């Protein structure tokens, strides 16, 4: 029952967000998800799904134009998951929290932390530790488990829905996966 109410809540949040104009808080969360590497992770997940489907449908001779159409849908699909993820971040963080997280993740030190930890200088380590000892950093630590649960549920829902819809779209055009 919890999961059903969770997805109902997400659906309502998504419907409200899609029907209304995107607000500044939503835009800030999406910006944060972009600079902290989350958007890239979902871009890669989408690409991996297409690669897997191309292998599964290899015997069906799906024309390259169909695969290109699916590739062209990536931005929309990733945008949908970012909208869902934004609802989870809204639940855990305020606008000011997100603004501080953006400022931190835009720093060279945070980018190195994400992509090349070995190159962090001692001063950059101090900067990072200082952030995680701040009020927002403590809030990130405190909400980590609950946020991870929300993100996991959203990711599972999104990937399952995306995979099913993509298979259904290919099947509707007469293509079937190989055996």
C-alpha atoms as a PDB file:
ATOM      1  CA  UNK A   1       0.000   0.000   0.000  1.00  0.00           C
ATOM      2  CA  UNK A   2       2.905   2.360   0.755  1.00  0.00           C
ATOM      3  CA  UNK A   3       4.277   1.975  -2.758  1.00  0.00           C
ATOM      4  CA  UNK A   4       0.866   2.618  -4.305  1.00  0.00           C
ATOM      5  CA  UNK A   5       0.443   5.848  -2.341  1.00  0.00           C
ATOM      6  CA  UNK A   6       4.048   6.828  -3.143  1.00  0.00           C
ATOM      7  CA  UNK A   7       3.442   6.509  -6.883  1.00  0.00           C
ATOM      8  CA  UNK A   8       0.082   8.240  -6.599  1.00  0.00           C
ATOM      9  CA  UNK A   9       1.863  11.122  -4.901  1.00  0.00           C
ATOM     10  CA  UNK A  10       4.537  11.126  -7.604  1.00  0.00           C
ATOM     11  CA  UNK A  11       1.897  11.018 -10.329  1.00  0.00           C
ATOM     12  CA  UNK A  12       0.091  14.004  -8.813  1.00  0.00           C
ATOM     13  CA  UNK A  13       3.351  15.902  -8.459  1.00  0.00           C
ATOM     14  CA  UNK A  14       4.282  15.057 -12.055  1.00  0.00           C
ATOM     15  CA  UNK A  15       0.851  16.048 -13.346  1.00  0.00           C
ATOM     16  CA  UNK A  16       0.995  19.354 -11.468  1.00  0.00           C
ATOM     17  CA  UNK A  17       4.495  20.047 -12.710  1.00  0.00           C
ATOM     18  CA  UNK A  18       3.692  19.164 -16.316  1.00  0.00           C
ATOM     19  CA  UNK A  19       0.409  21.095 -16.365  1.00  0.00           C
ATOM     20  CA  UNK A  20       1.813  24.181 -14.682  1.00  0.00           C
ATOM     21  CA  UNK A  21       4.737  26.268 -15.693  1.00  0.00           C
ATOM     22  CA  UNK A  22       8.027  24.992 -14.340  1.00  0.00           C
ATOM     23  CA  UNK A  23       8.938  27.008 -11.279  1.00  0.00           C
ATOM     24  CA  UNK A  24      12.356  28.292 -10.260  1.00  0.00           C
ATOM     25  CA  UNK A  25      12.767  25.653  -7.539  1.00  0.00           C
ATOM     26  CA  UNK A  26      12.143  22.890 -10.084  1.00  0.00           C
ATOM     27  CA  UNK A  27      14.669  24.449 -12.441  1.00  0.00           C
ATOM     28  CA  UNK A  28      17.223  24.689  -9.636  1.00  0.00           C
ATOM     29  CA  UNK A  29      16.774  21.031  -8.733  1.00  0.00           C
ATOM     30  CA  UNK A  30      17.207  20.016 -12.381  1.00  0.00           C
ATOM     31  CA  UNK A  31      20.339  22.195 -12.546  1.00  0.00           C
ATOM     32  CA  UNK A  32      21.650  20.514  -9.403  1.00  0.00           C
ATOM     33  CA  UNK A  33      20.940  17.065 -10.871  1.00  0.00           C
ATOM     34  CA  UNK A  34      22.856  18.077 -13.966  1.00  0.00           C
ATOM     35  CA  UNK A  35      25.971  19.345 -12.201  1.00  0.00           C
ATOM     36  CA  UNK A  36      26.141  16.494  -9.681  1.00  0.00           C
ATOM     37  CA  UNK A  37      26.230  13.876 -12.453  1.00  0.00           C
ATOM     38  CA  UNK A  38      22.712  12.482 -12.047  1.00  0.00           C
ATOM     39  CA  UNK A  39      21.545  13.547 -15.511  1.00  0.00           C
ATOM     40  CA  UNK A  40      24.563  11.843 -17.087  1.00  0.00           C
ATOM     41  CA  UNK A  41      23.755   8.628 -15.218  1.00  0.00           C
ATOM     42  CA  UNK A  42      20.242   8.557 -16.674  1.00  0.00           C
ATOM     43  CA  UNK A  43      21.537   9.498 -20.141  1.00  0.00           C
ATOM     44  CA  UNK A  44      23.864   6.495 -19.913  1.00  0.00           C
ATOM     45  CA  UNK A  45      21.080   4.235 -18.620  1.00  0.00           C
ATOM     46  CA  UNK A  46      18.933   5.212 -21.603  1.00  0.00           C
ATOM     47  CA  UNK A  47      21.793   4.506 -24.020  1.00  0.00           C
ATOM     48  CA  UNK A  48      22.461   1.132 -22.372  1.00  0.00           C
ATOM     49  CA  UNK A  49      18.801   0.197 -22.673  1.00  0.00           C
ATOM     50  CA  UNK A  50      18.845   0.990 -26.386  1.00  0.00           C
ATOM     51  CA  UNK A  51      22.023  -1.044 -26.877  1.00  0.00           C
ATOM     52  CA  UNK A  52      20.443  -3.999 -25.098  1.00  0.00           C
ATOM     53  CA  UNK A  53      17.258  -3.703 -27.147  1.00  0.00           C
ATOM     54  CA  UNK A  54      19.226  -3.478 -30.387  1.00  0.00           C
ATOM     55  CA  UNK A  55      20.840  -6.801 -29.466  1.00  0.00           C
ATOM     56  CA  UNK A  56      17.505  -8.358 -28.507  1.00  0.00           C
ATOM     57  CA  UNK A  57      15.841  -7.172 -31.707  1.00  0.00           C
ATOM     58  CA  UNK A  58      18.798  -7.910 -34.011  1.00  0.00           C
ATOM     59  CA  UNK A  59      16.922 -10.685 -35.811  1.00  0.00           C
ATOM     60  CA  UNK A  60      13.914  -8.415 -36.414  1.00  0.00           C
ATOM     61  CA  UNK A  61      15.829  -6.146 -38.779  1.00  0.00           C
ATOM     62  CA  UNK A  62      14.613  -2.952 -37.120  1.00  0.00           C
ATOM     63  CA  UNK A  63      15.547  -0.154 -39.522  1.00  0.00           C
ATOM     64  CA  UNK A  64      18.128   2.398 -38.357  1.00  0.00           C
ATOM     65  CA  UNK A  65      15.473   5.119 -38.573  1.00  0.00           C
ATOM     66  CA  UNK A  66      13.500   3.413 -35.782  1.00  0.00           C
ATOM     67  CA  UNK A  67      16.576   3.317 -33.551  1.00  0.00           C
ATOM     68  CA  UNK A  68      17.297   6.958 -34.362  1.00  0.00           C
ATOM     69  CA  UNK A  69      13.737   7.897 -33.390  1.00  0.00           C
ATOM     70  CA  UNK A  70      14.238   6.141 -30.065  1.00  0.00           C
ATOM     71  CA  UNK A  71      17.577   7.924 -29.580  1.00  0.00           C
ATOM     72  CA  UNK A  72      15.873  11.224 -30.292  1.00  0.00           C
ATOM     73  CA  UNK A  73      13.415  10.501 -27.464  1.00  0.00           C
ATOM     74  CA  UNK A  74      16.213  10.355 -24.884  1.00  0.00           C
ATOM     75  CA  UNK A  75      15.995  13.998 -23.765  1.00  0.00           C
ATOM     76  CA  UNK A  76      12.262  13.689 -23.130  1.00  0.00           C
ATOM     77  CA  UNK A  77      12.637  10.394 -21.248  1.00  0.00           C
ATOM     78  CA  UNK A  78      15.475  11.732 -19.098  1.00  0.00           C
ATOM     79  CA  UNK A  79      13.490  14.912 -18.503  1.00  0.00           C
ATOM     80  CA  UNK A  80      10.635  12.789 -17.156  1.00  0.00           C
ATOM     81  CA  UNK A  81      12.840  11.035 -14.624  1.00  0.00           C
ATOM     82  CA  UNK A  82      14.375  14.352 -13.577  1.00  0.00           C
ATOM     83  CA  UNK A  83      10.869  15.667 -12.888  1.00  0.00           C
ATOM     84  CA  UNK A  84      10.167  12.630 -10.725  1.00  0.00           C
ATOM     85  CA  UNK A  85      13.494  12.979  -8.944  1.00  0.00           C
ATOM     86  CA  UNK A  86      12.801  16.665  -8.319  1.00  0.00           C
ATOM     87  CA  UNK A  87       9.722  15.690  -6.340  1.00  0.00           C
ATOM     88  CA  UNK A  88      11.905  13.532  -4.090  1.00  0.00           C
ATOM     89  CA  UNK A  89      14.406  16.349  -3.588  1.00  0.00           C
ATOM     90  CA  UNK A  90      11.585  18.784  -2.772  1.00  0.00           C
ATOM     91  CA  UNK A  91      10.528  16.402  -0.022  1.00  0.00           C
ATOM     92  CA  UNK A  92      13.967  16.513   1.618  1.00  0.00           C
ATOM     93  CA  UNK A  93      15.456  19.923   0.808  1.00  0.00           C
ATOM     94  CA  UNK A  94      14.423  23.577   0.734  1.00  0.00           C
ATOM     95  CA  UNK A  95      15.136  26.034  -2.057  1.00  0.00           C
ATOM     96  CA  UNK A  96      18.008  27.476  -0.007  1.00  0.00           C
ATOM     97  CA  UNK A  97      19.446  23.996   0.531  1.00  0.00           C
ATOM     98  CA  UNK A  98      19.401  23.323  -3.206  1.00  0.00           C
ATOM     99  CA  UNK A  99      21.004  26.718  -3.901  1.00  0.00           C
ATOM    100  CA  UNK A 100      23.841  25.880  -1.503  1.00  0.00           C
ATOM    101  CA  UNK A 101      24.207  22.423  -3.042  1.00  0.00           C
ATOM    102  CA  UNK A 102      24.442  23.981  -6.498  1.00  0.00           C
ATOM    103  CA  UNK A 103      27.093  26.436  -5.329  1.00  0.00           C
ATOM    104  CA  UNK A 104      29.083  23.594  -3.797  1.00  0.00           C
ATOM    105  CA  UNK A 105      28.802  21.255  -6.791  1.00  0.00           C
ATOM    106  CA  UNK A 106      29.753  24.028  -9.211  1.00  0.00           C
ATOM    107  CA  UNK A 107      33.099  24.329  -7.450  1.00  0.00           C
ATOM    108  CA  UNK A 108      36.211  22.737  -8.912  1.00  0.00           C
ATOM    109  CA  UNK A 109      36.710  20.766  -5.704  1.00  0.00           C
ATOM    110  CA  UNK A 110      33.261  19.158  -5.861  1.00  0.00           C
ATOM    111  CA  UNK A 111      33.675  18.330  -9.542  1.00  0.00           C
ATOM    112  CA  UNK A 112      37.001  16.677  -8.767  1.00  0.00           C
ATOM    113  CA  UNK A 113      35.341  14.832  -5.892  1.00  0.00           C
ATOM    114  CA  UNK A 114      32.782  13.443  -8.347  1.00  0.00           C
ATOM    115  CA  UNK A 115      35.034  12.600 -11.258  1.00  0.00           C
ATOM    116  CA  UNK A 116      38.687  12.497 -10.136  1.00  0.00           C
ATOM    117  CA  UNK A 117      39.071  12.153  -6.370  1.00  0.00           C
ATOM    118  CA  UNK A 118      42.725  11.231  -6.672  1.00  0.00           C
ATOM    119  CA  UNK A 119      43.563  14.741  -7.884  1.00  0.00           C
ATOM    120  CA  UNK A 120      42.054  16.543  -4.866  1.00  0.00           C
ATOM    121  CA  UNK A 121      44.467  18.839  -3.088  1.00  0.00           C
ATOM    122  CA  UNK A 122      44.548  19.167   0.681  1.00  0.00           C
ATOM    123  CA  UNK A 123      42.828  22.555   0.444  1.00  0.00           C
ATOM    124  CA  UNK A 124      40.078  21.047  -1.710  1.00  0.00           C
ATOM    125  CA  UNK A 125      39.618  18.243   0.833  1.00  0.00           C
ATOM    126  CA  UNK A 126      39.233  20.861   3.570  1.00  0.00           C
ATOM    127  CA  UNK A 127      36.676  22.721   1.435  1.00  0.00           C
ATOM    128  CA  UNK A 128      34.667  19.529   0.859  1.00  0.00           C
ATOM    129  CA  UNK A 129      34.791  18.562   4.524  1.00  0.00           C
ATOM    130  CA  UNK A 130      33.698  22.058   5.469  1.00  0.00           C
ATOM    131  CA  UNK A 131      30.656  21.763   3.219  1.00  0.00           C
ATOM    132  CA  UNK A 132      29.655  18.373   4.621  1.00  0.00           C
ATOM    133  CA  UNK A 133      30.021  19.750   8.159  1.00  0.00           C
ATOM    134  CA  UNK A 134      27.726  22.688   7.324  1.00  0.00           C
ATOM    135  CA  UNK A 135      23.989  22.618   8.058  1.00  0.00           C
ATOM    136  CA  UNK A 136      23.185  21.619   4.474  1.00  0.00           C
ATOM    137  CA  UNK A 137      25.907  18.981   4.483  1.00  0.00           C
ATOM    138  CA  UNK A 138      24.496  17.538   7.691  1.00  0.00           C
ATOM    139  CA  UNK A 139      21.024  17.566   6.149  1.00  0.00           C
ATOM    140  CA  UNK A 140      22.380  15.653   3.142  1.00  0.00           C
ATOM    141  CA  UNK A 141      23.862  13.040   5.471  1.00  0.00           C
ATOM    142  CA  UNK A 142      20.669  12.803   7.543  1.00  0.00           C
ATOM    143  CA  UNK A 143      18.390  12.370   4.534  1.00  0.00           C
ATOM    144  CA  UNK A 144      20.748  10.134   2.559  1.00  0.00           C
ATOM    145  CA  UNK A 145      18.982   6.844   3.305  1.00  0.00           C
ATOM    146  CA  UNK A 146      15.426   8.141   2.816  1.00  0.00           C
ATOM    147  CA  UNK A 147      16.427   9.987  -0.354  1.00  0.00           C
ATOM    148  CA  UNK A 148      18.221   6.896  -1.671  1.00  0.00           C
ATOM    149  CA  UNK A 149      15.051   4.866  -1.108  1.00  0.00           C
ATOM    150  CA  UNK A 150      12.968   7.444  -2.990  1.00  0.00           C
ATOM    151  CA  UNK A 151      15.493   7.615  -5.822  1.00  0.00           C
ATOM    152  CA  UNK A 152      15.647   3.835  -6.050  1.00  0.00           C
ATOM    153  CA  UNK A 153      11.866   3.559  -6.328  1.00  0.00           C
ATOM    154  CA  UNK A 154      11.724   6.337  -8.909  1.00  0.00           C
ATOM    155  CA  UNK A 155      14.552   4.804 -10.938  1.00  0.00           C
ATOM    156  CA  UNK A 156      12.955   1.379 -10.881  1.00  0.00           C
ATOM    157  CA  UNK A 157       9.582   2.782 -11.922  1.00  0.00           C
ATOM    158  CA  UNK A 158      11.112   4.919 -14.677  1.00  0.00           C
ATOM    159  CA  UNK A 159      13.336   2.211 -16.133  1.00  0.00           C
ATOM    160  CA  UNK A 160      10.595  -0.436 -16.045  1.00  0.00           C
ATOM    161  CA  UNK A 161       8.091   1.936 -17.651  1.00  0.00           C
ATOM    162  CA  UNK A 162      10.583   3.107 -20.260  1.00  0.00           C
ATOM    163  CA  UNK A 163      11.635  -0.433 -21.146  1.00  0.00           C
ATOM    164  CA  UNK A 164       8.039  -1.676 -21.399  1.00  0.00           C
ATOM    165  CA  UNK A 165       6.903   1.303 -23.475  1.00  0.00           C
ATOM    166  CA  UNK A 166       9.862   0.955 -25.836  1.00  0.00           C
ATOM    167  CA  UNK A 167       9.262  -2.786 -26.347  1.00  0.00           C
ATOM    168  CA  UNK A 168       5.551  -2.113 -26.866  1.00  0.00           C
ATOM    169  CA  UNK A 169       6.329   0.597 -29.437  1.00  0.00           C
ATOM    170  CA  UNK A 170       8.606  -1.761 -31.367  1.00  0.00           C
ATOM    171  CA  UNK A 171       6.061  -4.598 -31.127  1.00  0.00           C
ATOM    172  CA  UNK A 172       3.292  -2.293 -32.395  1.00  0.00           C
ATOM    173  CA  UNK A 173       5.384  -1.800 -35.530  1.00  0.00           C
ATOM    174  CA  UNK A 174       5.697  -5.544 -35.996  1.00  0.00           C
ATOM    175  CA  UNK A 175       9.156  -6.109 -34.514  1.00  0.00           C
ATOM    176  CA  UNK A 176       9.764  -8.894 -32.016  1.00  0.00           C
ATOM    177  CA  UNK A 177      12.791  -9.732 -29.919  1.00  0.00           C
ATOM    178  CA  UNK A 178      14.880 -12.716 -31.001  1.00  0.00           C
ATOM    179  CA  UNK A 179      14.925 -15.905 -29.043  1.00  0.00           C
END
